[in-house]
Protein backbone atom coordinates (compact mmCIF):
# COMPACT_ATOMS: atom_id res chain seq x y z
CA MET A 1 -47.73 -70.47 96.71
CA ASP A 2 -44.77 -68.45 95.15
CA PHE A 3 -44.78 -64.73 94.62
CA ALA A 4 -45.37 -64.94 90.81
CA SER A 5 -48.31 -67.22 91.05
CA GLU A 6 -50.03 -65.05 93.70
CA LEU A 7 -49.60 -62.18 91.82
CA ALA A 8 -51.55 -63.84 89.30
CA SER A 9 -54.63 -64.21 91.58
CA ALA A 10 -57.15 -61.93 92.14
CA HIS A 11 -56.63 -61.66 96.05
CA VAL A 12 -53.46 -59.24 96.05
CA GLN A 13 -54.50 -55.37 96.26
CA PRO A 14 -52.39 -52.88 94.88
CA ILE A 15 -52.00 -49.98 97.25
CA LEU A 16 -51.03 -46.58 96.25
CA VAL A 17 -48.07 -44.70 98.07
CA THR A 18 -47.72 -41.12 97.70
CA ALA A 19 -46.28 -38.12 99.27
CA LYS A 20 -47.99 -34.99 100.68
CA GLY A 21 -48.02 -32.65 97.87
CA ASP A 22 -48.10 -34.89 94.92
CA PRO A 23 -50.94 -34.77 92.31
CA ARG A 24 -54.09 -37.23 92.78
CA LEU A 25 -54.34 -39.81 90.65
CA PRO A 26 -57.85 -40.91 89.46
CA VAL A 27 -57.83 -44.38 90.44
CA SER A 28 -60.08 -46.29 92.89
CA ILE A 29 -57.56 -48.20 95.31
CA ALA A 30 -56.44 -47.92 98.67
CA GLN A 31 -54.23 -45.03 99.25
CA VAL A 32 -51.45 -43.71 101.79
CA GLU A 33 -50.39 -40.41 101.57
CA LEU A 34 -47.00 -40.02 103.53
CA ASP A 35 -46.30 -36.89 105.42
CA LEU A 36 -42.63 -36.33 104.35
CA SER A 37 -42.11 -32.64 105.73
CA LYS A 38 -40.49 -33.77 109.00
CA PHE A 39 -38.53 -36.66 107.16
CA HIS A 40 -36.20 -37.23 110.22
CA ASN A 41 -39.37 -37.71 112.70
CA GLY A 42 -40.11 -41.14 111.44
CA ARG A 43 -43.86 -40.26 111.36
CA TRP A 44 -44.01 -41.71 107.27
CA ALA A 45 -42.55 -44.83 108.59
CA LEU A 46 -45.12 -45.28 111.12
CA GLN A 47 -47.90 -44.65 108.21
CA LEU A 48 -46.28 -47.56 106.29
CA ASP A 49 -46.21 -49.60 109.28
CA ALA A 50 -49.72 -48.96 110.09
CA ALA A 51 -50.84 -49.64 106.33
CA PHE A 52 -48.83 -52.79 105.76
CA ALA A 53 -47.21 -54.39 109.11
CA ARG A 54 -50.58 -56.25 110.25
CA ARG A 55 -52.14 -56.92 106.72
CA THR A 56 -53.37 -60.36 106.15
CA VAL A 57 -54.22 -59.59 102.60
CA PRO A 58 -51.22 -59.86 100.05
CA ALA A 59 -50.30 -56.35 98.60
CA VAL A 60 -48.78 -55.02 95.96
CA ILE A 61 -47.00 -51.40 96.72
CA VAL A 62 -47.55 -48.97 93.51
CA ALA A 63 -45.76 -45.38 94.48
CA ARG A 64 -44.06 -42.52 92.41
CA GLY A 65 -41.57 -39.82 93.16
CA VAL A 66 -40.07 -39.20 96.46
CA ALA A 67 -42.66 -41.69 97.74
CA CYS A 68 -40.75 -44.27 95.97
CA LEU A 69 -37.64 -43.57 98.13
CA ALA A 70 -39.61 -43.43 101.46
CA VAL A 71 -40.99 -47.08 100.66
CA ALA A 72 -37.47 -48.25 99.68
CA TRP A 73 -35.99 -47.13 102.95
CA TRP A 74 -38.84 -48.53 104.76
CA ALA A 75 -38.68 -51.84 103.34
CA GLN A 76 -35.01 -52.08 104.01
CA LEU A 77 -35.07 -51.25 107.66
CA SER A 78 -38.31 -52.62 108.80
CA PRO A 79 -38.44 -56.04 110.48
CA ARG A 80 -39.16 -58.79 107.99
CA SER A 81 -42.45 -59.83 109.60
CA TYR A 82 -43.55 -56.32 108.80
CA LEU A 83 -43.20 -57.00 105.09
CA ASP A 84 -45.12 -60.68 104.80
CA ALA A 85 -48.29 -59.03 103.18
CA VAL A 86 -46.06 -57.34 100.63
CA ARG A 87 -45.74 -59.20 97.16
CA GLY A 88 -43.80 -56.68 95.28
CA ALA A 89 -43.59 -52.64 94.58
CA VAL A 90 -43.81 -50.97 91.37
CA PHE A 91 -41.88 -47.49 91.62
CA ARG A 92 -42.58 -44.63 88.98
CA SER A 93 -40.04 -41.97 88.20
CA PRO A 94 -38.28 -42.37 91.90
CA LEU A 95 -35.89 -39.06 91.36
CA HIS A 96 -39.24 -36.70 90.36
CA VAL A 97 -39.49 -34.32 92.73
CA GLU A 98 -42.63 -32.21 93.03
CA LEU A 99 -42.47 -28.39 93.82
CA GLY A 100 -41.63 -28.31 97.52
CA GLN A 101 -40.09 -31.49 97.71
CA ALA A 102 -36.37 -31.09 97.29
CA PRO A 103 -35.18 -31.15 100.81
CA ILE A 104 -37.34 -34.16 101.30
CA ALA A 105 -35.60 -35.92 98.32
CA ALA A 106 -32.49 -35.09 99.62
CA ASN A 107 -32.98 -36.52 103.00
CA ALA A 108 -34.88 -39.75 101.38
CA SER A 109 -31.96 -40.19 98.84
CA THR A 110 -29.11 -40.70 101.60
CA GLY A 111 -31.12 -43.82 102.85
CA PRO A 112 -29.87 -47.46 102.73
CA THR A 113 -29.58 -48.63 99.22
CA HIS A 114 -29.76 -52.57 99.83
CA ARG A 115 -31.55 -55.15 97.70
CA LEU A 116 -35.22 -55.11 98.39
CA PRO A 117 -37.06 -57.97 100.33
CA PHE A 118 -39.62 -58.48 97.64
CA PRO A 119 -39.70 -58.12 93.53
CA SER A 120 -39.86 -54.80 92.28
CA ILE A 121 -40.06 -52.84 88.97
CA VAL A 122 -38.57 -49.28 88.36
CA ALA A 123 -40.10 -47.66 85.66
CA ASN A 124 -38.81 -44.10 84.37
CA ASP A 125 -38.16 -42.13 80.84
CA VAL A 126 -34.63 -42.90 79.77
CA THR A 127 -33.88 -39.19 79.34
CA LEU A 128 -34.54 -38.06 82.71
CA TYR A 129 -31.87 -39.01 85.38
CA VAL A 130 -31.57 -42.28 83.88
CA GLU A 131 -28.01 -42.88 85.28
CA GLN A 132 -29.10 -42.39 88.80
CA VAL A 133 -32.23 -44.17 88.29
CA LEU A 134 -30.38 -47.11 86.81
CA GLY A 135 -28.10 -47.22 89.94
CA LEU A 136 -31.13 -47.18 92.25
CA ALA A 137 -32.47 -49.89 90.36
CA ASP A 138 -29.27 -51.96 90.38
CA ARG A 139 -28.98 -51.33 94.30
CA TRP A 140 -32.62 -52.35 95.04
CA GLY A 141 -32.22 -55.43 92.51
CA SER A 142 -35.35 -54.47 90.70
CA ARG A 143 -36.01 -54.86 87.24
CA PHE A 144 -35.90 -51.21 85.22
CA VAL A 145 -38.63 -50.33 82.77
CA ASP A 146 -38.40 -47.92 80.09
CA LEU A 147 -41.40 -45.46 79.95
CA GLY A 148 -40.91 -44.49 76.56
CA ALA A 149 -40.46 -48.21 75.16
CA PRO A 150 -43.27 -50.38 73.67
CA SER A 151 -45.28 -52.40 76.25
CA SER A 152 -44.30 -55.75 74.36
CA ASP A 153 -40.35 -54.95 74.62
CA ARG A 154 -39.61 -53.59 78.06
CA PRO A 155 -35.98 -53.69 78.44
CA SER A 156 -34.60 -54.51 81.59
CA ASN A 157 -30.94 -53.55 83.41
CA ARG A 158 -30.56 -57.00 84.69
CA SER A 159 -31.95 -59.32 81.81
CA SER A 160 -33.79 -59.01 78.54
CA THR A 161 -36.60 -61.08 79.89
CA GLY A 162 -37.21 -60.72 83.52
CA THR A 163 -38.36 -62.98 86.27
CA GLU A 164 -41.99 -64.05 86.11
CA ALA A 165 -42.88 -62.17 89.35
CA GLU A 166 -41.67 -58.76 87.72
CA ASP A 167 -43.43 -59.49 84.61
CA ARG A 168 -46.88 -59.83 86.78
CA LEU A 169 -45.86 -56.71 88.36
CA LEU A 170 -45.98 -54.84 84.97
CA ALA A 171 -49.32 -54.81 84.97
CA TYR A 172 -49.94 -52.66 87.99
CA LEU A 173 -47.16 -49.82 86.14
CA ALA A 174 -50.47 -48.64 84.44
CA LEU A 175 -52.18 -47.68 87.90
CA LEU A 176 -49.46 -44.88 88.03
CA ASP A 177 -50.23 -43.61 84.54
CA PRO A 178 -54.08 -42.78 84.54
CA ARG A 179 -53.82 -41.56 81.07
CA ALA A 180 -52.98 -45.40 80.45
CA ILE A 181 -55.46 -47.14 82.26
CA SER A 182 -57.52 -49.39 80.03
CA ASP A 183 -60.46 -51.59 81.28
CA ASP A 184 -58.12 -54.76 81.92
CA ASP A 185 -55.94 -52.43 83.98
CA ARG A 186 -58.93 -51.36 85.78
CA ALA A 187 -59.87 -54.68 86.52
CA VAL A 188 -56.35 -55.34 87.93
CA ALA A 189 -56.69 -52.17 90.45
CA ASN A 190 -60.41 -53.35 91.51
CA ALA A 191 -59.66 -57.15 91.61
CA ALA A 192 -60.13 -57.35 95.50
CA PRO A 193 -62.26 -56.02 97.58
CA LEU A 194 -60.32 -52.85 99.62
CA ALA A 195 -60.07 -52.51 103.29
CA PRO A 196 -59.61 -48.68 103.90
CA ILE A 197 -55.98 -47.33 105.10
CA HIS A 198 -55.86 -44.61 107.11
CA SER A 199 -53.16 -41.87 107.53
CA ILE A 200 -52.09 -41.83 110.99
């Protein structure tokens, strides 16, 4: 079964990855809160290893802000076996920095910028750091989505249509914007039973 077909099934679990200090989202999905305060000690990478390295249930990573940079860094440096369960990622506003997160963002942004080993979406408002975000999307091999565009006409920096796997990932984008969560999107979030994820 390919990524797109598996994403269409009800057996893929979304997992929200945030950084300590991010506002809480009122969604009932599994969550990993990364402690990025001492970025260079790598504790945050161990948190991601614990959440994804031994998973048997397929997962989609949904992340926002500086957590996006940490996830991309982890995905590019981890052994491929750690990523076996990851079917894709949705990154919202990867350069958005909360109060007190500027040093973390500076450290994380110096990480590797190679193509990610799974399909991904980078969503951002085109008026906010758009050139830098487009650069990240290009280096990560991600489809860029303009948050201000109508949902029926989401543009991409690489193609006007996107891949089938990327199109399936668009459904997870609403999980990062509680104001836009519809009953259909809640069904995506609650499609499969969730195993608890613990921070270490």
